[in-house]
Amino acid sequence: MSRQVYFYDPPDRFVAGTVGLPGRRTFFLQASSGPRVTSVALEKTQVAALAERIDELLDEVVRRTGGNSPVPAAAPSGTGDTAPLDAPVEEEFRVGTMALAWDGDEQRMIIEAQALVELEADTDEDLAEAEERLLQDDENGPPMLRVRLTGAQARSFAKRALDVVNAGRPPCPLCSLPLDPEGHVCPRQNGYRRGA
């Protein structure tokens, strides 16, 4: 079976969002162009890492060009997308590997999210070799979402993604673990709760 690549160049919309209540949220990347919508599931930490790496890469582009690139230093005001994910949210695949690149000729950020694949190997060397073959297999590899964004679109995506990640449960002031609506057992208090 040939590889399915969901390609958006450029998308009308590319956002990170969630479905569910804080503490039980499922995170998604969603790209859309016209009536076509692609949603892929991933972990909260993956969303945070992607947003941070996008900002770092764009900062490096600005630094190397001496500010002479079309990349804004921060997300342009008024371009924030706060709308929910387009419904219905249908997961195409769960993300395993992500990659970022900057196309200097086209002045575009390239984001790739590849489906999670379980590999079996006897040794670490065999596993590394299997991973490399998988990443190089353009024809028969796992499904992939590939999106090309302008610098401004990438900054806006990163800002929203970090906002989505930080919109979860508030941290406990003592231990920094997330607080559930019904409370939590705080290791710093040795599980002790005051009576109401």
N, C-alpha and C. Protein backbone atom coordinates (compact mmCIF):
# COMPACT_ATOMS: atom_id res chain seq x y z
N MET A 1 0.84 -1.17 0.00
CA MET A 1 0.00 0.00 0.00
C MET A 1 0.89 1.24 0.00
N SER A 2 0.58 2.21 -0.85
CA SER A 2 1.42 3.39 -0.92
C SER A 2 1.12 4.35 0.23
N ARG A 3 2.10 5.18 0.51
CA ARG A 3 2.01 6.14 1.62
C ARG A 3 0.94 7.19 1.33
N GLN A 4 0.17 7.52 2.35
CA GLN A 4 -0.82 8.59 2.28
C GLN A 4 -0.18 9.86 2.83
N VAL A 5 -0.05 10.89 2.00
CA VAL A 5 0.49 12.17 2.44
C VAL A 5 -0.62 13.20 2.35
N TYR A 6 -0.93 13.81 3.48
CA TYR A 6 -1.92 14.88 3.54
C TYR A 6 -1.13 16.18 3.42
N PHE A 7 -1.17 16.81 2.25
CA PHE A 7 -0.31 17.94 1.93
C PHE A 7 -1.12 19.22 1.84
N TYR A 8 -0.66 20.25 2.56
CA TYR A 8 -1.33 21.56 2.55
C TYR A 8 -0.27 22.63 2.27
N ASP A 9 -0.40 23.30 1.14
CA ASP A 9 0.57 24.32 0.74
C ASP A 9 -0.11 25.49 0.06
N PRO A 10 -0.46 26.52 0.76
CA PRO A 10 -0.57 26.64 2.21
C PRO A 10 -1.97 26.22 2.65
N PRO A 11 -2.15 25.93 3.91
CA PRO A 11 -3.49 25.63 4.39
C PRO A 11 -4.28 26.92 4.61
N ASP A 12 -5.60 26.82 4.54
CA ASP A 12 -6.44 27.96 4.93
C ASP A 12 -6.34 28.14 6.44
N ARG A 13 -6.17 27.00 7.13
CA ARG A 13 -6.10 27.03 8.60
C ARG A 13 -5.24 25.86 9.06
N PHE A 14 -4.35 26.13 10.02
CA PHE A 14 -3.54 25.08 10.64
C PHE A 14 -3.44 25.42 12.11
N VAL A 15 -4.03 24.58 12.97
CA VAL A 15 -4.11 24.88 14.40
C VAL A 15 -3.88 23.63 15.23
N ALA A 16 -3.54 23.87 16.49
CA ALA A 16 -3.54 22.82 17.51
C ALA A 16 -4.78 23.06 18.35
N GLY A 17 -5.43 21.99 18.73
CA GLY A 17 -6.64 22.11 19.55
C GLY A 17 -6.86 20.84 20.34
N THR A 18 -7.94 20.86 21.13
CA THR A 18 -8.23 19.71 21.98
C THR A 18 -9.71 19.35 21.91
N VAL A 19 -9.97 18.12 22.30
CA VAL A 19 -11.33 17.63 22.48
C VAL A 19 -11.37 17.02 23.86
N GLY A 20 -12.35 17.40 24.65
CA GLY A 20 -12.48 16.85 26.00
C GLY A 20 -12.22 17.88 27.08
N LEU A 21 -12.42 17.45 28.31
CA LEU A 21 -12.25 18.31 29.48
C LEU A 21 -10.80 18.28 29.95
N PRO A 22 -10.35 19.37 30.61
CA PRO A 22 -8.99 19.38 31.15
C PRO A 22 -8.74 18.14 32.02
N GLY A 23 -7.59 17.55 31.80
CA GLY A 23 -7.25 16.32 32.51
C GLY A 23 -7.59 15.09 31.70
N ARG A 24 -8.47 15.25 30.73
CA ARG A 24 -8.88 14.12 29.88
C ARG A 24 -8.92 14.56 28.42
N ARG A 25 -8.12 15.58 28.08
CA ARG A 25 -8.14 16.12 26.72
C ARG A 25 -7.33 15.26 25.77
N THR A 26 -7.79 15.25 24.51
CA THR A 26 -7.02 14.66 23.42
C THR A 26 -6.57 15.82 22.55
N PHE A 27 -5.29 15.86 22.25
CA PHE A 27 -4.72 16.95 21.47
C PHE A 27 -4.67 16.57 20.00
N PHE A 28 -4.93 17.57 19.15
CA PHE A 28 -4.94 17.37 17.70
C PHE A 28 -4.20 18.49 17.00
N LEU A 29 -3.60 18.16 15.85
CA LEU A 29 -3.20 19.14 14.86
C LEU A 29 -4.26 19.04 13.78
N GLN A 30 -4.73 20.19 13.29
CA GLN A 30 -5.77 20.16 12.27
C GLN A 30 -5.41 21.14 11.15
N ALA A 31 -5.36 20.64 9.94
CA ALA A 31 -5.11 21.46 8.75
C ALA A 31 -6.34 21.41 7.89
N SER A 32 -6.67 22.57 7.28
CA SER A 32 -7.83 22.59 6.40
C SER A 32 -7.57 23.52 5.23
N SER A 33 -8.19 23.16 4.13
CA SER A 33 -8.14 23.95 2.92
C SER A 33 -9.45 23.69 2.19
N GLY A 34 -10.29 24.72 2.12
CA GLY A 34 -11.62 24.53 1.54
C GLY A 34 -12.39 23.52 2.37
N PRO A 35 -13.03 22.56 1.71
CA PRO A 35 -13.81 21.55 2.45
C PRO A 35 -12.95 20.41 3.02
N ARG A 36 -11.69 20.35 2.64
CA ARG A 36 -10.79 19.27 3.07
C ARG A 36 -10.23 19.58 4.45
N VAL A 37 -10.39 18.64 5.39
CA VAL A 37 -9.90 18.81 6.76
C VAL A 37 -9.16 17.54 7.16
N THR A 38 -7.97 17.70 7.74
CA THR A 38 -7.19 16.57 8.23
C THR A 38 -6.86 16.82 9.69
N SER A 39 -7.19 15.86 10.55
CA SER A 39 -6.90 15.95 11.98
C SER A 39 -6.05 14.76 12.39
N VAL A 40 -4.95 15.04 13.10
CA VAL A 40 -4.09 13.97 13.60
C VAL A 40 -3.92 14.16 15.10
N ALA A 41 -3.95 13.07 15.84
CA ALA A 41 -3.85 13.11 17.30
C ALA A 41 -2.40 13.04 17.73
N LEU A 42 -2.09 13.70 18.85
CA LEU A 42 -0.76 13.64 19.40
C LEU A 42 -0.81 13.96 20.89
N GLU A 43 0.31 13.83 21.54
CA GLU A 43 0.39 14.05 22.98
C GLU A 43 0.58 15.54 23.28
N LYS A 44 0.19 15.93 24.47
CA LYS A 44 0.34 17.32 24.92
C LYS A 44 1.80 17.75 24.84
N THR A 45 2.71 16.89 25.25
CA THR A 45 4.13 17.24 25.22
C THR A 45 4.63 17.44 23.79
N GLN A 46 4.05 16.69 22.84
CA GLN A 46 4.43 16.87 21.44
C GLN A 46 3.98 18.24 20.93
N VAL A 47 2.78 18.67 21.32
CA VAL A 47 2.28 19.98 20.91
C VAL A 47 3.19 21.07 21.47
N ALA A 48 3.52 20.96 22.76
CA ALA A 48 4.38 21.95 23.39
C ALA A 48 5.75 21.99 22.72
N ALA A 49 6.34 20.83 22.48
CA ALA A 49 7.66 20.77 21.85
C ALA A 49 7.62 21.35 20.44
N LEU A 50 6.58 21.03 19.68
CA LEU A 50 6.45 21.55 18.32
C LEU A 50 6.39 23.08 18.34
N ALA A 51 5.56 23.64 19.20
CA ALA A 51 5.42 25.10 19.28
C ALA A 51 6.74 25.76 19.68
N GLU A 52 7.42 25.19 20.66
CA GLU A 52 8.70 25.76 21.10
C GLU A 52 9.75 25.69 20.01
N ARG A 53 9.81 24.56 19.30
CA ARG A 53 10.81 24.40 18.24
C ARG A 53 10.51 25.31 17.04
N ILE A 54 9.23 25.52 16.75
CA ILE A 54 8.87 26.45 15.67
C ILE A 54 9.37 27.84 16.01
N ASP A 55 9.11 28.30 17.23
CA ASP A 55 9.59 29.63 17.64
C ASP A 55 11.11 29.71 17.60
N GLU A 56 11.79 28.66 18.06
CA GLU A 56 13.25 28.66 18.04
C GLU A 56 13.78 28.73 16.61
N LEU A 57 13.19 27.95 15.71
CA LEU A 57 13.64 27.95 14.32
C LEU A 57 13.39 29.30 13.66
N LEU A 58 12.24 29.89 13.91
CA LEU A 58 11.94 31.20 13.34
C LEU A 58 12.86 32.28 13.92
N ASP A 59 13.16 32.19 15.22
CA ASP A 59 14.10 33.13 15.82
C ASP A 59 15.47 33.03 15.16
N GLU A 60 15.89 31.81 14.85
CA GLU A 60 17.17 31.59 14.18
C GLU A 60 17.15 32.17 12.76
N VAL A 61 16.04 32.02 12.06
CA VAL A 61 15.92 32.60 10.71
C VAL A 61 16.05 34.12 10.79
N VAL A 62 15.37 34.73 11.75
CA VAL A 62 15.44 36.19 11.92
C VAL A 62 16.88 36.60 12.26
N ARG A 63 17.52 35.85 13.14
CA ARG A 63 18.90 36.17 13.53
C ARG A 63 19.86 36.07 12.36
N ARG A 64 19.76 34.99 11.60
CA ARG A 64 20.69 34.78 10.48
C ARG A 64 20.49 35.76 9.34
N THR A 65 19.27 36.25 9.18
CA THR A 65 19.03 37.20 8.09
C THR A 65 19.16 38.64 8.55
N GLY A 66 19.49 38.83 9.81
CA GLY A 66 19.62 40.18 10.34
C GLY A 66 18.31 40.93 10.35
N GLY A 67 17.21 40.19 10.45
CA GLY A 67 15.88 40.83 10.46
C GLY A 67 15.36 41.16 9.08
N ASN A 68 16.05 40.71 8.03
CA ASN A 68 15.63 41.00 6.65
C ASN A 68 14.79 39.90 6.02
N SER A 69 14.14 39.09 6.83
CA SER A 69 13.27 38.05 6.30
C SER A 69 11.82 38.43 6.61
N PRO A 70 10.88 37.81 5.91
CA PRO A 70 9.47 38.11 6.18
C PRO A 70 8.92 37.43 7.43
N VAL A 71 9.79 37.02 8.33
CA VAL A 71 9.38 36.34 9.55
C VAL A 71 9.22 37.38 10.66
N PRO A 72 8.03 37.51 11.23
CA PRO A 72 7.86 38.46 12.33
C PRO A 72 8.55 37.96 13.59
N ALA A 73 9.00 38.90 14.42
CA ALA A 73 9.67 38.54 15.67
C ALA A 73 8.70 37.92 16.67
N ALA A 74 7.42 38.23 16.54
CA ALA A 74 6.38 37.66 17.41
C ALA A 74 5.14 37.45 16.55
N ALA A 75 4.18 36.71 17.08
CA ALA A 75 2.94 36.47 16.34
C ALA A 75 2.26 37.81 16.08
N PRO A 76 1.89 38.08 14.82
CA PRO A 76 1.23 39.35 14.51
C PRO A 76 -0.07 39.49 15.29
N SER A 77 -0.32 40.69 15.81
CA SER A 77 -1.56 40.91 16.56
C SER A 77 -2.74 40.88 15.60
N GLY A 78 -3.85 40.40 16.10
CA GLY A 78 -5.06 40.32 15.29
C GLY A 78 -5.13 39.11 14.38
N THR A 79 -4.09 38.27 14.39
CA THR A 79 -4.12 37.08 13.53
C THR A 79 -4.38 35.81 14.33
N GLY A 80 -4.59 35.96 15.64
CA GLY A 80 -4.82 34.78 16.49
C GLY A 80 -6.12 34.08 16.15
N ASP A 81 -6.03 32.78 16.00
CA ASP A 81 -7.20 31.95 15.71
C ASP A 81 -7.62 31.29 17.01
N THR A 82 -8.76 31.72 17.55
CA THR A 82 -9.23 31.15 18.81
C THR A 82 -10.46 30.26 18.61
N ALA A 83 -10.83 30.03 17.36
CA ALA A 83 -12.00 29.19 17.08
C ALA A 83 -11.70 27.73 17.43
N PRO A 84 -12.73 26.96 17.77
CA PRO A 84 -12.50 25.54 18.06
C PRO A 84 -12.12 24.78 16.80
N LEU A 85 -11.69 23.55 17.00
CA LEU A 85 -11.38 22.69 15.86
C LEU A 85 -12.63 22.52 15.00
N ASP A 86 -12.41 22.36 13.70
CA ASP A 86 -13.54 22.11 12.80
C ASP A 86 -14.12 20.73 13.09
N ALA A 87 -15.43 20.67 13.24
CA ALA A 87 -16.10 19.40 13.54
C ALA A 87 -16.63 18.80 12.25
N PRO A 88 -16.73 17.50 12.17
CA PRO A 88 -16.33 16.52 13.19
C PRO A 88 -14.81 16.31 13.17
N VAL A 89 -14.26 16.07 14.34
CA VAL A 89 -12.82 15.81 14.45
C VAL A 89 -12.63 14.30 14.30
N GLU A 90 -12.10 13.90 13.15
CA GLU A 90 -11.88 12.48 12.87
C GLU A 90 -10.38 12.24 12.75
N GLU A 91 -9.86 11.46 13.66
CA GLU A 91 -8.42 11.19 13.71
C GLU A 91 -7.98 10.36 12.51
N GLU A 92 -7.07 10.90 11.72
CA GLU A 92 -6.50 10.15 10.59
C GLU A 92 -5.45 9.17 11.08
N PHE A 93 -4.63 9.61 12.05
CA PHE A 93 -3.62 8.76 12.66
C PHE A 93 -3.08 9.44 13.91
N ARG A 94 -2.34 8.68 14.70
CA ARG A 94 -1.66 9.23 15.89
C ARG A 94 -0.22 9.51 15.50
N VAL A 95 0.26 10.70 15.85
CA VAL A 95 1.59 11.15 15.46
C VAL A 95 2.66 10.46 16.28
N GLY A 96 3.69 10.01 15.59
CA GLY A 96 4.86 9.43 16.25
C GLY A 96 6.07 10.33 16.10
N THR A 97 6.41 10.67 14.86
CA THR A 97 7.59 11.47 14.56
C THR A 97 7.19 12.79 13.93
N MET A 98 7.87 13.86 14.35
CA MET A 98 7.63 15.17 13.75
C MET A 98 8.95 15.73 13.25
N ALA A 99 8.86 16.57 12.22
CA ALA A 99 10.06 17.21 11.67
C ALA A 99 9.72 18.64 11.28
N LEU A 100 10.72 19.51 11.39
CA LEU A 100 10.60 20.91 11.00
C LEU A 100 11.72 21.25 10.05
N ALA A 101 11.44 22.15 9.12
CA ALA A 101 12.48 22.65 8.22
C ALA A 101 12.09 24.05 7.77
N TRP A 102 13.08 24.81 7.35
CA TRP A 102 12.85 26.14 6.78
C TRP A 102 13.31 26.12 5.34
N ASP A 103 12.41 26.44 4.42
CA ASP A 103 12.72 26.54 3.00
C ASP A 103 13.11 27.99 2.73
N GLY A 104 14.40 28.25 2.65
CA GLY A 104 14.90 29.61 2.47
C GLY A 104 14.53 30.21 1.13
N ASP A 105 14.44 29.38 0.09
CA ASP A 105 14.09 29.90 -1.24
C ASP A 105 12.65 30.39 -1.28
N GLU A 106 11.76 29.61 -0.68
CA GLU A 106 10.33 29.96 -0.69
C GLU A 106 9.91 30.74 0.55
N GLN A 107 10.82 30.87 1.53
CA GLN A 107 10.52 31.54 2.80
C GLN A 107 9.31 30.89 3.49
N ARG A 108 9.37 29.57 3.64
CA ARG A 108 8.28 28.81 4.24
C ARG A 108 8.79 27.85 5.28
N MET A 109 7.98 27.66 6.33
CA MET A 109 8.21 26.66 7.36
C MET A 109 7.54 25.37 6.88
N ILE A 110 8.24 24.26 6.97
CA ILE A 110 7.68 22.96 6.60
C ILE A 110 7.55 22.15 7.88
N ILE A 111 6.33 21.69 8.13
CA ILE A 111 6.05 20.87 9.31
C ILE A 111 5.56 19.51 8.82
N GLU A 112 6.19 18.45 9.31
CA GLU A 112 5.77 17.10 8.97
C GLU A 112 5.45 16.34 10.25
N ALA A 113 4.32 15.66 10.23
CA ALA A 113 3.91 14.80 11.34
C ALA A 113 3.63 13.42 10.75
N GLN A 114 4.40 12.44 11.18
CA GLN A 114 4.30 11.09 10.63
C GLN A 114 3.64 10.16 11.64
N ALA A 115 2.86 9.22 11.14
CA ALA A 115 2.13 8.29 12.01
C ALA A 115 3.07 7.46 12.87
N LEU A 116 2.58 7.14 14.05
CA LEU A 116 3.31 6.29 14.98
C LEU A 116 3.37 4.87 14.41
N VAL A 117 4.56 4.31 14.42
CA VAL A 117 4.76 2.96 13.90
C VAL A 117 5.58 2.18 14.92
N GLU A 118 5.16 0.97 15.19
CA GLU A 118 5.92 0.11 16.10
C GLU A 118 6.89 -0.72 15.28
N LEU A 119 8.16 -0.65 15.65
CA LEU A 119 9.20 -1.41 14.96
C LEU A 119 9.72 -2.49 15.89
N GLU A 120 10.02 -3.63 15.32
CA GLU A 120 10.59 -4.72 16.10
C GLU A 120 12.03 -4.94 15.66
N ALA A 121 12.92 -5.06 16.61
CA ALA A 121 14.32 -5.31 16.31
C ALA A 121 14.95 -6.02 17.50
N ASP A 122 16.00 -6.79 17.20
CA ASP A 122 16.68 -7.55 18.24
C ASP A 122 17.70 -6.70 18.99
N THR A 123 18.35 -5.76 18.28
CA THR A 123 19.38 -4.93 18.90
C THR A 123 19.08 -3.46 18.64
N ASP A 124 19.79 -2.61 19.36
CA ASP A 124 19.64 -1.17 19.15
C ASP A 124 20.08 -0.77 17.74
N GLU A 125 21.12 -1.47 17.24
CA GLU A 125 21.59 -1.18 15.88
C GLU A 125 20.52 -1.51 14.85
N ASP A 126 19.87 -2.66 15.01
CA ASP A 126 18.80 -3.06 14.09
C ASP A 126 17.64 -2.08 14.17
N LEU A 127 17.33 -1.61 15.37
CA LEU A 127 16.24 -0.66 15.54
C LEU A 127 16.57 0.66 14.85
N ALA A 128 17.79 1.15 15.02
CA ALA A 128 18.20 2.40 14.38
C ALA A 128 18.15 2.27 12.86
N GLU A 129 18.57 1.12 12.35
CA GLU A 129 18.54 0.88 10.90
C GLU A 129 17.10 0.82 10.39
N ALA A 130 16.22 0.18 11.14
CA ALA A 130 14.80 0.09 10.74
C ALA A 130 14.15 1.47 10.76
N GLU A 131 14.49 2.28 11.77
CA GLU A 131 13.95 3.65 11.83
C GLU A 131 14.40 4.47 10.64
N GLU A 132 15.67 4.36 10.29
CA GLU A 132 16.21 5.13 9.15
C GLU A 132 15.55 4.70 7.84
N ARG A 133 15.37 3.39 7.65
CA ARG A 133 14.70 2.90 6.43
C ARG A 133 13.27 3.44 6.36
N LEU A 134 12.60 3.44 7.49
CA LEU A 134 11.22 3.92 7.54
C LEU A 134 11.14 5.40 7.17
N LEU A 135 12.05 6.20 7.72
CA LEU A 135 12.03 7.64 7.44
C LEU A 135 12.38 7.95 5.99
N GLN A 136 13.19 7.11 5.37
CA GLN A 136 13.62 7.36 3.98
C GLN A 136 12.65 6.78 2.95
N ASP A 137 11.67 5.99 3.38
CA ASP A 137 10.76 5.33 2.45
C ASP A 137 9.61 6.26 2.08
N ASP A 138 9.79 7.03 1.01
CA ASP A 138 8.77 7.99 0.59
C ASP A 138 7.55 7.30 -0.03
N GLU A 139 7.75 6.12 -0.57
CA GLU A 139 6.66 5.47 -1.29
C GLU A 139 5.77 4.59 -0.41
N ASN A 140 6.35 3.87 0.51
CA ASN A 140 5.59 2.90 1.30
C ASN A 140 5.61 3.18 2.80
N GLY A 141 6.02 4.36 3.21
CA GLY A 141 6.10 4.69 4.63
C GLY A 141 4.73 4.90 5.24
N PRO A 142 4.72 5.22 6.52
CA PRO A 142 3.46 5.46 7.23
C PRO A 142 2.82 6.78 6.77
N PRO A 143 1.54 6.97 7.05
CA PRO A 143 0.86 8.22 6.67
C PRO A 143 1.57 9.44 7.26
N MET A 144 1.44 10.57 6.55
CA MET A 144 2.12 11.79 6.98
C MET A 144 1.28 13.02 6.67
N LEU A 145 1.30 13.97 7.59
CA LEU A 145 0.72 15.29 7.37
C LEU A 145 1.89 16.23 7.10
N ARG A 146 1.85 16.93 5.95
CA ARG A 146 2.90 17.89 5.60
C ARG A 146 2.24 19.23 5.33
N VAL A 147 2.71 20.27 6.04
CA VAL A 147 2.13 21.60 5.94
C VAL A 147 3.24 22.61 5.68
N ARG A 148 2.99 23.53 4.77
CA ARG A 148 3.94 24.63 4.48
C ARG A 148 3.28 25.94 4.91
N LEU A 149 3.98 26.70 5.78
CA LEU A 149 3.42 27.92 6.34
C LEU A 149 4.36 29.10 6.12
N THR A 150 3.80 30.30 6.03
CA THR A 150 4.61 31.51 6.03
C THR A 150 5.13 31.70 7.45
N GLY A 151 6.08 32.60 7.61
CA GLY A 151 6.60 32.89 8.94
C GLY A 151 5.52 33.38 9.89
N ALA A 152 4.63 34.26 9.39
CA ALA A 152 3.55 34.79 10.23
C ALA A 152 2.58 33.69 10.62
N GLN A 153 2.24 32.79 9.68
CA GLN A 153 1.34 31.68 10.01
C GLN A 153 1.97 30.76 11.05
N ALA A 154 3.27 30.52 10.91
CA ALA A 154 3.97 29.64 11.86
C ALA A 154 4.01 30.27 13.25
N ARG A 155 4.26 31.57 13.33
CA ARG A 155 4.26 32.25 14.64
C ARG A 155 2.87 32.17 15.28
N SER A 156 1.83 32.40 14.49
CA SER A 156 0.46 32.34 15.01
C SER A 156 0.13 30.93 15.49
N PHE A 157 0.55 29.92 14.72
CA PHE A 157 0.32 28.53 15.13
C PHE A 157 1.00 28.26 16.47
N ALA A 158 2.27 28.66 16.60
CA ALA A 158 3.03 28.39 17.82
C ALA A 158 2.38 29.07 19.03
N LYS A 159 1.92 30.30 18.86
CA LYS A 159 1.29 31.01 19.97
C LYS A 159 0.02 30.29 20.42
N ARG A 160 -0.83 29.93 19.46
CA ARG A 160 -2.07 29.24 19.83
C ARG A 160 -1.75 27.89 20.47
N ALA A 161 -0.79 27.16 19.92
CA ALA A 161 -0.46 25.84 20.46
C ALA A 161 -0.02 25.94 21.92
N LEU A 162 0.81 26.92 22.23
CA LEU A 162 1.24 27.10 23.63
C LEU A 162 0.07 27.52 24.51
N ASP A 163 -0.83 28.35 23.98
CA ASP A 163 -2.02 28.75 24.73
C ASP A 163 -2.90 27.53 25.04
N VAL A 164 -3.05 26.64 24.05
CA VAL A 164 -3.87 25.43 24.23
C VAL A 164 -3.25 24.53 25.29
N VAL A 165 -1.94 24.34 25.23
CA VAL A 165 -1.25 23.50 26.21
C VAL A 165 -1.41 24.07 27.62
N ASN A 166 -1.29 25.39 27.74
CA ASN A 166 -1.35 26.03 29.06
C ASN A 166 -2.77 26.23 29.58
N ALA A 167 -3.77 25.92 28.77
CA ALA A 167 -5.17 26.11 29.16
C ALA A 167 -5.73 24.94 29.96
N GLY A 168 -4.90 24.00 30.30
CA GLY A 168 -5.35 22.82 31.03
C GLY A 168 -5.57 23.11 32.50
N ARG A 169 -5.42 22.07 33.30
CA ARG A 169 -5.63 22.19 34.75
C ARG A 169 -4.57 23.09 35.38
N PRO A 170 -4.96 23.91 36.34
CA PRO A 170 -3.96 24.76 37.00
C PRO A 170 -3.03 23.91 37.86
N PRO A 171 -1.78 24.39 38.05
CA PRO A 171 -0.84 23.61 38.88
C PRO A 171 -1.08 23.86 40.37
N CYS A 172 -0.77 22.86 41.15
CA CYS A 172 -0.82 22.97 42.61
C CYS A 172 0.26 23.96 43.04
N PRO A 173 -0.05 24.89 43.93
CA PRO A 173 0.97 25.86 44.35
C PRO A 173 2.12 25.24 45.14
N LEU A 174 1.92 24.04 45.66
CA LEU A 174 2.97 23.40 46.46
C LEU A 174 3.85 22.46 45.64
N CYS A 175 3.23 21.61 44.83
CA CYS A 175 3.99 20.56 44.15
C CYS A 175 4.05 20.74 42.64
N SER A 176 3.26 21.64 42.09
CA SER A 176 3.20 21.93 40.66
C SER A 176 2.53 20.83 39.84
N LEU A 177 2.02 19.79 40.48
CA LEU A 177 1.24 18.78 39.74
C LEU A 177 -0.12 19.38 39.40
N PRO A 178 -0.78 18.89 38.34
CA PRO A 178 -2.08 19.47 37.97
C PRO A 178 -3.15 19.20 39.02
N LEU A 179 -3.98 20.21 39.25
CA LEU A 179 -5.11 20.10 40.18
C LEU A 179 -6.35 19.67 39.42
N ASP A 180 -6.97 18.60 39.86
CA ASP A 180 -8.24 18.18 39.30
C ASP A 180 -9.35 18.98 39.96
N PRO A 181 -10.53 19.08 39.33
CA PRO A 181 -11.64 19.81 39.96
C PRO A 181 -11.98 19.27 41.35
N GLU A 182 -11.79 17.97 41.56
CA GLU A 182 -12.09 17.39 42.86
C GLU A 182 -10.88 17.41 43.80
N GLY A 183 -9.79 18.08 43.40
CA GLY A 183 -8.58 18.18 44.21
C GLY A 183 -7.58 17.10 43.84
N HIS A 184 -6.51 16.99 44.61
CA HIS A 184 -5.53 15.93 44.37
C HIS A 184 -4.76 15.65 45.65
N VAL A 185 -4.09 14.54 45.68
CA VAL A 185 -3.27 14.17 46.83
C VAL A 185 -1.90 14.77 46.57
N CYS A 186 -1.55 15.77 47.37
CA CYS A 186 -0.30 16.50 47.17
C CYS A 186 0.85 15.81 47.89
N PRO A 187 1.89 15.42 47.17
CA PRO A 187 3.02 14.76 47.83
C PRO A 187 3.72 15.67 48.84
N ARG A 188 3.65 16.97 48.64
CA ARG A 188 4.31 17.90 49.57
C ARG A 188 3.56 17.97 50.91
N GLN A 189 2.28 17.60 50.90
CA GLN A 189 1.53 17.58 52.15
C GLN A 189 1.35 16.15 52.67
N ASN A 190 2.05 15.22 52.04
CA ASN A 190 1.99 13.82 52.43
C ASN A 190 0.55 13.30 52.41
N GLY A 191 -0.22 13.82 51.45
CA GLY A 191 -1.59 13.36 51.30
C GLY A 191 -2.58 13.98 52.26
N TYR A 192 -2.14 14.89 53.12
CA TYR A 192 -3.01 15.49 54.13
C TYR A 192 -3.93 16.53 53.50
N ARG A 193 -5.24 16.47 53.84
CA ARG A 193 -6.21 17.47 53.41
C ARG A 193 -6.87 18.07 54.64
N ARG A 194 -6.99 19.39 54.62
CA ARG A 194 -7.67 20.05 55.74
C ARG A 194 -9.16 19.81 55.63
N GLY A 195 -9.81 19.74 56.78
CA GLY A 195 -11.28 19.59 56.81
C GLY A 195 -11.94 20.89 56.41
N ALA A 196 -13.13 20.79 55.82
CA ALA A 196 -13.83 21.99 55.36
C ALA A 196 -14.60 22.67 56.45
